[in-house]
Protein backbone atom coordinates (compact mmCIF):
# COMPACT_ATOMS: atom_id res chain seq x y z
CA MET A 1 145.60 7.07 -35.95
CA VAL A 2 148.18 6.20 -38.58
CA CYS A 3 147.18 6.06 -42.41
CA ASN A 4 149.71 4.77 -44.97
CA TYR A 5 147.78 6.06 -47.99
CA LEU A 6 148.02 9.78 -48.82
CA GLU A 7 144.56 9.87 -50.69
CA THR A 8 143.11 8.04 -47.24
CA GLN A 9 144.88 10.87 -45.10
CA ILE A 10 143.77 13.78 -47.43
CA ALA A 11 140.09 12.28 -47.40
CA MET A 12 140.01 12.22 -43.67
CA VAL A 13 141.23 15.86 -43.25
CA GLU A 14 138.35 16.64 -45.56
CA ALA A 15 135.89 15.03 -43.64
CA GLY A 16 136.92 16.75 -40.69
CA SER A 17 138.50 13.74 -38.79
CA GLY A 18 142.00 15.39 -38.04
CA VAL A 19 144.96 16.80 -39.69
CA ALA A 20 147.74 15.30 -41.72
CA VAL A 21 151.40 16.13 -42.61
CA VAL A 22 152.19 15.04 -46.06
CA PRO A 23 154.95 15.44 -48.44
CA SER A 24 155.21 18.32 -50.91
CA PHE A 25 154.21 15.93 -53.65
CA ALA A 26 150.74 15.46 -52.22
CA MET A 27 150.09 19.33 -52.96
CA HIS A 28 148.56 18.18 -56.28
CA ALA A 29 146.25 15.77 -54.79
CA CYS A 30 144.83 18.32 -52.45
CA ALA A 31 144.23 21.06 -55.08
CA LYS A 32 140.37 20.42 -55.65
CA ARG A 33 139.66 19.46 -52.19
CA ALA A 34 138.04 21.39 -49.42
CA ILE A 35 141.14 21.66 -47.38
CA ALA A 36 143.86 24.33 -46.76
CA LEU A 37 147.54 23.56 -47.10
CA HIS A 38 150.20 25.04 -44.98
CA ALA A 39 153.96 24.69 -45.47
CA LEU A 40 155.83 23.47 -42.45
CA VAL A 41 158.62 26.11 -41.90
CA ALA A 42 162.11 24.20 -41.53
CA PRO A 43 160.80 20.56 -40.62
CA GLN A 44 163.10 18.25 -39.33
CA VAL A 45 162.34 14.97 -40.72
CA ALA A 46 164.72 11.71 -40.66
CA GLY A 47 164.06 8.52 -42.63
CA ASN A 48 165.58 5.77 -44.87
CA VAL A 49 165.24 5.48 -48.57
CA TYR A 50 165.16 2.09 -50.01
CA TRP A 51 165.72 0.68 -53.66
CA LEU A 52 162.46 -1.91 -54.16
CA VAL A 53 162.69 -4.51 -56.90
CA ASN A 54 160.46 -7.46 -57.95
CA ARG A 55 162.53 -10.50 -56.97
CA ALA A 56 160.76 -12.76 -59.62
CA ARG A 57 161.59 -10.45 -62.52
CA LYS A 58 164.74 -9.32 -64.48
CA LEU A 59 165.44 -5.67 -64.23
CA PRO A 60 165.56 -3.81 -67.44
CA ALA A 61 168.70 -2.61 -69.20
CA GLY A 62 170.05 0.51 -67.71
CA THR A 63 168.91 -0.30 -64.13
CA GLU A 64 172.32 -1.39 -62.74
CA SER A 65 173.89 1.91 -63.91
CA PHE A 66 170.79 4.05 -62.66
CA ASN A 67 171.36 2.06 -59.00
CA ALA A 68 174.97 2.85 -59.15
CA PHE A 69 174.29 6.73 -60.01
CA LEU A 70 171.54 6.84 -57.24
CA LYS A 71 173.80 5.35 -54.53
CA ASP A 72 176.82 7.65 -55.63
CA TYR A 73 174.38 10.75 -55.43
CA MET A 74 172.77 9.73 -52.06
CA SER A 75 176.27 9.20 -50.50
CA THR A 76 177.05 12.93 -51.32
CA LEU A 77 174.23 14.24 -49.50
CA PRO A 78 174.81 15.26 -45.86
CA VAL A 79 173.72 12.97 -43.15
CA GLU A 80 172.44 14.72 -40.20
CA PRO A 81 171.39 12.71 -36.82
CA ALA A 82 167.88 12.24 -36.16
CA PRO A 83 166.05 15.07 -34.27
CA HIS A 84 164.97 14.34 -30.74
CA ALA A 85 161.49 13.79 -30.38
CA ALA A 86 159.35 16.76 -29.34
CA GLN A 87 158.09 16.89 -25.82
CA ALA A 88 154.40 17.72 -25.59
CA ALA A 89 153.50 21.00 -23.68
């Protein structure tokens, strides 16, 4: 099963309905739950990052300069090819 919401994933794990792989910022949401957290050592994760804006609203002052900074910063990060899918044992 695929769940798009962290709270749903956390609640399902707590209810005994499986396991979940979540980003590190989810640790705070797990702190008072009856679940254990285990760090994944050297995970290989690939994905894309998107800049989302509301089409119907004008962006606040400073947004363009932040967008330029973000694009510039992201362009300096190393790009690695996506890892091959793991084969089931």
